[in-house]
Amino acid sequence: MKLKDKNLYYVGGVVRDEILGIKSFDKDFCYEGNAIIFSQNLNKLRENPDFGTVRVLFNNEEIDIASTRTEKYPKPGHLPVVDKIGCSLKEDLQRRDFSINAMAKNTVTGEITDFFDGLEDIENKKIRVLHDNSFIDDPSRILRGLKFAVRFGFELETHTKKLQDEYLNNINYDMSFHRIKKELKETFNLNNEKAFEIFISQNIYKLLGENQNTPQIKTSIQKLVEAHKPKNIWLVYAGLFNLEKLELNTEEQEIINSYNSIKNEFPRNDFEIYKLFSNLPLESILLYAISVDKNIATRFLDFLSEIKLETSGEDLIKLGFKQGKIFKHIFEKTLEYKINNPYITKSDEIEFIKENFL
């Protein structure tokens, strides 16, 4: 795809990743000026004049182009509002989070614009904010810094680390927790145990809200996730914290509620293990493995969860039973028998039912 104009730039992650020699998940364009006016002769799909952004179809690909803009924060920690559209490229780059994400590459010349020494920071494997109020304006940048540190093997530049520590010692909880949740998910969905270790050791977990306690971890979270592949990886890492401020959706809240319902239970045999975990979200069971007992949880996940009765209600009717509450009782007792004798056949199940209920 070629889309070139002397005022059109690749910005942010795509430039950083090209310098690092890695595949980029981003394809962000920035137009120095008004992108909506620039796109008048392109196949425009939609535009947002308030933000100066436009989506166009080019070579059968949808791309977003943003106008250069400045932003201001009405209140520290809240979402910014657009201050000016069509500003200089330098002003636009200056509103970004870290120097490594504040570079632009011209689509015509290929020249990289680097006002804030991002190239040098990449070479030195450092993550550096662009101004001293960066974390005050947007505390979620602390989580972004953690995410980039883990992804690229970088570390916070000394002054940036000092600013982070100062903020975490005096957090303003009147903030956008929507952004906190977004960055938390992206960070922990990397499934990297080092991210969790830094999250704890550098007190980043305090961003989740007041009165947080650090959990006791009894096994490797990363290995459990690799083995069982849960959908909500981030909750397997973050679910042991108080997440009330994050506005969990129904599925996420069910995971937390299910974990809370089992975390003080200690089943004594295979059937009790089966009953405890059956029909619970995988993430809830993994949280139990991490914080309570890995052996009990993995006994269910690796073996007991595969045990299923082959006998059906139709089979019970053929045996002469009338449909009703008795079915549930028979199935439960037969399941208990099968869990204690996991390799029995359907014929064995039927024989057990005949011997005990006829």
Protein backbone atom coordinates (compact mmCIF):
# COMPACT_ATOMS: atom_id res chain seq x y z
CA MET A 1 0.00 0.00 0.00
CA LYS A 2 1.34 3.40 -0.93
CA LEU A 3 -0.24 6.57 0.39
CA LYS A 4 2.13 9.49 0.08
CA ASP A 5 1.99 13.21 0.76
CA LYS A 6 4.72 15.51 2.04
CA ASN A 7 2.59 16.28 5.11
CA LEU A 8 1.56 12.69 5.79
CA TYR A 9 3.49 10.66 8.35
CA TYR A 10 3.56 7.25 9.93
CA VAL A 11 3.57 7.85 13.68
CA GLY A 12 3.95 6.03 16.97
CA GLY A 13 4.22 2.28 17.23
CA VAL A 14 4.73 1.56 13.53
CA VAL A 15 7.85 3.76 13.48
CA ARG A 16 9.16 2.32 16.75
CA ASP A 17 8.64 -1.26 15.62
CA GLU A 18 10.33 -0.68 12.27
CA ILE A 19 13.40 0.65 14.10
CA LEU A 20 13.32 -2.37 16.41
CA GLY A 21 12.99 -4.68 13.41
CA ILE A 22 9.76 -6.31 14.61
CA LYS A 23 6.34 -6.73 13.05
CA SER A 24 4.06 -3.88 13.98
CA PHE A 25 0.46 -4.28 15.09
CA ASP A 26 -0.11 -0.56 14.46
CA LYS A 27 -0.55 1.41 11.25
CA ASP A 28 -1.14 4.94 12.43
CA PHE A 29 -1.07 7.90 10.05
CA CYS A 30 -0.89 11.53 11.04
CA TYR A 31 -1.42 14.45 8.67
CA GLU A 32 0.29 17.73 9.54
CA GLY A 33 -2.73 19.92 9.06
CA ASN A 34 -6.38 18.93 8.63
CA ALA A 35 -6.72 15.25 7.68
CA ILE A 36 -10.39 15.61 6.75
CA ILE A 37 -9.58 18.27 4.14
CA PHE A 38 -6.64 16.17 2.93
CA SER A 39 -8.91 13.14 2.42
CA GLN A 40 -11.49 14.92 0.24
CA ASN A 41 -10.29 13.16 -2.91
CA LEU A 42 -9.95 9.75 -1.22
CA ASN A 43 -12.58 7.07 -0.72
CA LYS A 44 -13.81 8.36 2.61
CA LEU A 45 -15.72 5.94 4.88
CA ARG A 46 -16.36 8.17 7.87
CA GLU A 47 -14.97 11.18 9.68
CA ASN A 48 -14.94 12.67 13.16
CA PRO A 49 -14.53 16.44 12.90
CA ASP A 50 -14.30 16.87 16.68
CA PHE A 51 -11.07 14.87 16.73
CA GLY A 52 -9.93 15.64 13.20
CA THR A 53 -9.81 11.95 12.26
CA VAL A 54 -10.97 10.20 9.10
CA ARG A 55 -11.19 6.61 7.90
CA VAL A 56 -10.59 5.96 4.22
CA LEU A 57 -10.53 2.93 1.95
CA PHE A 58 -7.25 2.70 0.08
CA ASN A 59 -6.17 -0.31 -1.97
CA ASN A 60 -9.03 -2.32 -0.39
CA GLU A 61 -7.70 -1.55 3.09
CA GLU A 62 -9.33 0.63 5.74
CA ILE A 63 -6.89 3.10 7.24
CA ASP A 64 -7.27 5.85 9.83
CA ILE A 65 -5.66 9.23 9.39
CA ALA A 66 -5.51 11.72 12.25
CA SER A 67 -4.95 15.45 12.00
CA THR A 68 -2.10 16.79 14.06
CA ARG A 69 -3.65 18.07 17.26
CA THR A 70 -2.95 19.27 20.75
CA GLU A 71 -4.87 18.14 23.81
CA LYS A 72 -5.47 19.37 27.32
CA TYR A 73 -6.65 17.61 30.46
CA PRO A 74 -9.69 19.25 32.11
CA LYS A 75 -8.76 17.39 35.31
CA PRO A 76 -5.68 15.29 36.06
CA GLY A 77 -6.30 11.63 35.33
CA HIS A 78 -9.39 12.27 33.20
CA LEU A 79 -9.69 11.82 29.45
CA PRO A 80 -8.16 14.68 27.46
CA VAL A 81 -10.08 16.96 25.13
CA VAL A 82 -8.89 18.28 21.79
CA ASP A 83 -7.47 21.75 22.10
CA LYS A 84 -6.36 22.53 18.56
CA ILE A 85 -6.56 20.68 15.24
CA GLY A 86 -3.95 21.25 12.56
CA CYS A 87 -1.04 22.12 14.84
CA SER A 88 2.61 21.49 14.03
CA LEU A 89 3.94 17.93 13.95
CA LYS A 90 6.14 18.65 16.97
CA GLU A 91 3.18 19.81 19.04
CA ASP A 92 1.28 16.65 18.12
CA LEU A 93 4.14 14.33 19.03
CA GLN A 94 4.69 16.16 22.30
CA ARG A 95 1.28 14.99 23.65
CA ARG A 96 2.28 11.31 23.43
CA ASP A 97 3.33 8.99 26.23
CA PHE A 98 7.01 8.08 25.73
CA SER A 99 9.85 9.19 23.52
CA ILE A 100 9.97 5.80 21.77
CA ASN A 101 6.37 6.39 20.63
CA ALA A 102 6.85 10.05 19.67
CA MET A 103 8.60 9.65 16.32
CA ALA A 104 7.22 10.14 12.83
CA LYS A 105 8.30 8.87 9.42
CA ASN A 106 7.51 10.91 6.31
CA THR A 107 5.58 8.91 3.70
CA VAL A 108 7.39 10.67 0.84
CA THR A 109 11.00 10.98 1.97
CA GLY A 110 11.14 8.18 4.52
CA GLU A 111 12.87 10.60 6.88
CA ILE A 112 12.32 9.97 10.58
CA THR A 113 11.43 13.00 12.69
CA ASP A 114 12.65 12.57 16.26
CA PHE A 115 12.25 15.69 18.38
CA PHE A 116 12.51 13.87 21.71
CA ASP A 117 15.45 11.48 21.27
CA GLY A 118 13.36 8.35 20.82
CA LEU A 119 16.05 6.78 18.64
CA GLU A 120 18.61 7.19 21.40
CA ASP A 121 16.22 5.73 23.97
CA ILE A 122 15.58 2.71 21.75
CA GLU A 123 19.31 2.19 21.39
CA ASN A 124 19.72 2.40 25.19
CA LYS A 125 16.58 0.30 25.85
CA LYS A 126 14.99 3.07 27.92
CA ILE A 127 11.39 4.20 28.39
CA ARG A 128 11.17 7.92 29.06
CA VAL A 129 8.21 10.29 29.47
CA LEU A 130 8.15 13.58 27.59
CA HIS A 131 7.37 15.83 30.57
CA ASP A 132 7.12 15.67 34.35
CA ASN A 133 3.29 15.74 34.49
CA SER A 134 2.90 12.76 32.18
CA PHE A 135 1.73 10.27 34.83
CA ILE A 136 -0.35 12.92 36.60
CA ASP A 137 -2.18 13.65 33.34
CA ASP A 138 -2.67 9.97 32.52
CA PRO A 139 -1.80 7.35 35.18
CA SER A 140 -2.52 4.54 32.73
CA ARG A 141 0.82 5.44 31.15
CA ILE A 142 2.45 3.64 34.07
CA LEU A 143 0.85 0.42 32.86
CA ARG A 144 1.80 1.25 29.28
CA GLY A 145 5.38 1.66 30.43
CA LEU A 146 5.23 -1.76 32.05
CA LYS A 147 3.76 -3.26 28.89
CA PHE A 148 6.50 -1.83 26.68
CA ALA A 149 9.23 -2.78 29.15
CA VAL A 150 8.13 -6.41 29.06
CA ARG A 151 7.50 -6.53 25.31
CA PHE A 152 10.84 -5.03 24.34
CA GLY A 153 13.12 -5.86 27.26
CA PHE A 154 13.44 -2.16 28.16
CA GLU A 155 13.42 -0.42 31.54
CA LEU A 156 12.31 2.96 32.81
CA GLU A 157 14.82 5.77 32.48
CA THR A 158 15.96 6.99 35.92
CA HIS A 159 13.96 10.22 36.05
CA THR A 160 10.87 8.50 34.64
CA LYS A 161 11.13 5.84 37.36
CA LYS A 162 11.38 8.60 39.96
CA LEU A 163 8.23 10.27 38.59
CA GLN A 164 6.44 6.93 38.65
CA ASP A 165 7.41 6.27 42.26
CA GLU A 166 6.29 9.74 43.30
CA TYR A 167 2.92 9.28 41.65
CA LEU A 168 2.35 5.82 43.13
CA ASN A 169 3.06 7.26 46.57
CA ASN A 170 0.34 9.87 46.09
CA ILE A 171 -2.26 8.49 43.70
CA ASN A 172 -5.21 10.58 42.59
CA TYR A 173 -8.02 8.00 42.34
CA ASP A 174 -10.27 10.46 40.53
CA MET A 175 -9.09 9.04 37.23
CA SER A 176 -10.29 7.24 34.11
CA PHE A 177 -10.46 3.60 35.22
CA HIS A 178 -11.61 2.72 31.71
CA ARG A 179 -8.07 3.47 30.55
CA ILE A 180 -6.56 1.62 33.49
CA LYS A 181 -8.57 -1.48 32.61
CA LYS A 182 -7.62 -1.29 28.93
CA GLU A 183 -3.91 -1.10 29.68
CA LEU A 184 -4.14 -3.75 32.41
CA LYS A 185 -5.71 -6.16 29.92
CA GLU A 186 -3.11 -5.47 27.24
CA THR A 187 -0.27 -5.86 29.74
CA PHE A 188 -1.36 -9.13 31.31
CA ASN A 189 -2.65 -10.63 28.07
CA LEU A 190 1.04 -10.82 27.11
CA ASN A 191 1.17 -13.70 29.65
CA ASN A 192 4.58 -12.74 30.95
CA GLU A 193 5.33 -13.48 34.59
CA LYS A 194 7.91 -10.71 34.68
CA ALA A 195 5.12 -8.17 34.10
CA PHE A 196 3.32 -9.47 37.17
CA GLU A 197 6.51 -9.38 39.26
CA ILE A 198 7.15 -5.73 38.31
CA PHE A 199 3.46 -4.92 38.83
CA ILE A 200 3.91 -6.02 42.45
CA SER A 201 7.48 -4.95 43.20
CA GLN A 202 7.06 -1.41 41.83
CA ASN A 203 3.65 -0.95 43.54
CA ILE A 204 1.85 -0.48 40.22
CA TYR A 205 -1.01 -2.61 41.58
CA LYS A 206 -2.00 0.39 43.72
CA LEU A 207 -3.51 1.96 40.58
CA LEU A 208 -6.42 -0.49 40.90
CA GLY A 209 -7.86 1.34 43.89
CA GLU A 210 -7.41 1.99 47.57
CA ASN A 211 -6.71 -0.73 50.14
CA GLN A 212 -5.21 -3.29 47.80
CA ASN A 213 -3.43 -6.31 49.21
CA THR A 214 -0.69 -8.21 47.43
CA PRO A 215 -1.77 -11.82 46.89
CA GLN A 216 0.21 -14.90 47.87
CA ILE A 217 1.04 -16.73 44.65
CA LYS A 218 1.63 -20.46 45.05
CA THR A 219 2.51 -21.50 41.49
CA SER A 220 3.55 -20.15 38.10
CA ILE A 221 0.72 -18.17 36.51
CA GLN A 222 2.45 -18.11 33.13
CA LYS A 223 2.76 -21.91 32.99
CA LEU A 224 -0.87 -22.42 33.99
CA VAL A 225 -2.02 -20.05 31.26
CA GLU A 226 0.19 -21.76 28.69
CA ALA A 227 -1.18 -25.17 29.69
CA HIS A 228 -4.90 -24.31 29.81
CA LYS A 229 -5.28 -21.30 27.47
CA PRO A 230 -8.06 -19.30 29.18
CA LYS A 231 -9.92 -16.67 27.21
CA ASN A 232 -9.46 -13.93 29.81
CA ILE A 233 -5.74 -14.24 30.49
CA TRP A 234 -5.56 -10.85 32.17
CA LEU A 235 -8.06 -11.89 34.86
CA VAL A 236 -5.96 -14.92 35.78
CA TYR A 237 -3.26 -12.39 36.72
CA ALA A 238 -5.41 -9.56 38.07
CA GLY A 239 -8.34 -11.48 39.55
CA LEU A 240 -6.77 -11.76 43.01
CA PHE A 241 -6.90 -7.98 43.44
CA ASN A 242 -9.90 -5.81 44.22
CA LEU A 243 -11.23 -4.84 40.78
CA GLU A 244 -14.38 -2.99 41.85
CA LYS A 245 -13.33 0.25 40.17
CA LEU A 246 -12.78 -1.39 36.77
CA GLU A 247 -16.46 -1.84 35.84
CA LEU A 248 -16.23 -5.52 34.95
CA ASN A 249 -18.65 -6.88 32.37
CA THR A 250 -21.01 -9.77 33.17
CA GLU A 251 -18.58 -12.48 32.11
CA GLU A 252 -15.69 -10.95 34.02
CA GLN A 253 -17.77 -10.47 37.17
CA GLU A 254 -18.93 -14.09 37.00
CA ILE A 255 -15.30 -15.21 37.00
CA ILE A 256 -14.57 -13.19 40.14
CA ASN A 257 -17.78 -14.25 41.88
CA SER A 258 -17.15 -17.92 41.09
CA TYR A 259 -13.62 -17.72 42.43
CA ASN A 260 -14.83 -16.03 45.62
CA SER A 261 -17.38 -18.82 46.10
CA ILE A 262 -14.70 -21.56 46.07
CA LYS A 263 -11.55 -19.95 47.48
CA ASN A 264 -12.23 -21.18 51.04
CA GLU A 265 -13.24 -24.71 50.03
CA PHE A 266 -10.95 -27.73 50.43
CA PRO A 267 -12.48 -30.82 48.77
CA ARG A 268 -11.37 -34.15 50.28
CA ASN A 269 -11.87 -36.55 47.38
CA ASP A 270 -12.31 -36.67 43.62
CA PHE A 271 -16.08 -36.40 43.72
CA GLU A 272 -15.95 -33.31 45.94
CA ILE A 273 -13.36 -31.80 43.59
CA TYR A 274 -15.63 -32.51 40.64
CA LYS A 275 -18.66 -30.97 42.32
CA LEU A 276 -16.68 -27.90 43.41
CA PHE A 277 -15.34 -27.01 39.96
CA SER A 278 -17.94 -28.41 37.59
CA ASN A 279 -19.56 -25.72 35.40
CA LEU A 280 -17.31 -22.94 36.74
CA PRO A 281 -15.35 -20.62 34.42
CA LEU A 282 -11.85 -21.88 33.64
CA GLU A 283 -10.34 -18.61 34.89
CA SER A 284 -11.97 -19.09 38.33
CA ILE A 285 -10.42 -22.55 38.64
CA LEU A 286 -7.01 -21.20 37.63
CA LEU A 287 -7.30 -18.47 40.28
CA TYR A 288 -7.93 -21.24 42.82
CA ALA A 289 -4.83 -23.06 41.54
CA ILE A 290 -2.74 -19.92 41.92
CA SER A 291 -3.91 -18.88 45.35
CA VAL A 292 -5.15 -22.03 47.11
CA ASP A 293 -4.05 -25.41 45.76
CA LYS A 294 -2.67 -26.14 42.30
CA ASN A 295 -2.86 -29.93 42.70
CA ILE A 296 -6.57 -29.90 43.48
CA ALA A 297 -7.39 -27.58 40.57
CA THR A 298 -5.24 -29.40 38.03
CA ARG A 299 -6.63 -32.75 39.16
CA PHE A 300 -9.97 -31.48 37.92
CA LEU A 301 -8.70 -29.73 34.80
CA ASP A 302 -6.37 -32.48 33.61
CA PHE A 303 -8.44 -35.53 34.47
CA LEU A 304 -11.76 -35.29 36.31
CA SER A 305 -13.33 -32.75 33.94
CA GLU A 306 -13.14 -35.32 31.13
CA ILE A 307 -15.29 -37.84 32.97
CA LYS A 308 -18.85 -37.91 31.61
CA LEU A 309 -21.76 -40.24 32.15
CA GLU A 310 -22.77 -42.20 29.07
CA THR A 311 -26.12 -43.22 30.50
CA SER A 312 -29.00 -40.98 29.39
CA GLY A 313 -32.53 -40.29 30.55
CA GLU A 314 -33.76 -42.46 27.71
CA ASP A 315 -31.74 -45.34 29.15
CA LEU A 316 -33.41 -44.84 32.54
CA ILE A 317 -36.85 -44.90 30.94
CA LYS A 318 -35.98 -48.16 29.19
CA LEU A 319 -35.05 -49.56 32.60
CA GLY A 320 -38.53 -48.71 33.82
CA PHE A 321 -37.98 -45.47 35.73
CA LYS A 322 -40.57 -42.73 35.51
CA GLN A 323 -39.19 -39.30 34.73
CA GLY A 324 -38.86 -37.05 37.79
CA LYS A 325 -36.60 -36.10 40.67
CA ILE A 326 -35.32 -39.66 40.86
CA PHE A 327 -33.37 -39.06 37.64
CA LYS A 328 -31.19 -36.39 39.25
CA HIS A 329 -30.49 -38.63 42.23
CA ILE A 330 -29.57 -41.60 40.04
CA PHE A 331 -27.30 -39.55 37.80
CA GLU A 332 -25.48 -37.98 40.76
CA LYS A 333 -24.86 -41.30 42.47
CA THR A 334 -23.79 -42.95 39.22
CA LEU A 335 -21.46 -40.06 38.47
CA GLU A 336 -19.94 -40.37 41.93
CA TYR A 337 -19.40 -44.07 41.28
CA LYS A 338 -17.80 -43.34 37.89
CA ILE A 339 -15.50 -40.66 39.26
CA ASN A 340 -14.24 -43.19 41.80
CA ASN A 341 -14.02 -45.80 39.01
CA PRO A 342 -13.22 -43.61 35.97
CA TYR A 343 -12.65 -46.35 33.42
CA ILE A 344 -16.00 -48.12 33.65
CA THR A 345 -18.12 -48.50 30.51
CA LYS A 346 -21.72 -47.60 29.83
CA SER A 347 -22.66 -51.21 30.55
CA ASP A 348 -21.00 -50.88 33.95
CA GLU A 349 -23.02 -47.71 34.62
CA ILE A 350 -26.27 -49.50 33.75
CA GLU A 351 -25.34 -52.43 35.95
CA PHE A 352 -24.61 -50.06 38.86
CA ILE A 353 -28.04 -48.44 38.41
CA LYS A 354 -29.80 -51.83 38.33
CA GLU A 355 -28.03 -53.00 41.46
CA ASN A 356 -28.68 -49.85 43.47
CA PHE A 357 -32.00 -48.43 42.27
CA LEU A 358 -34.15 -51.29 40.97
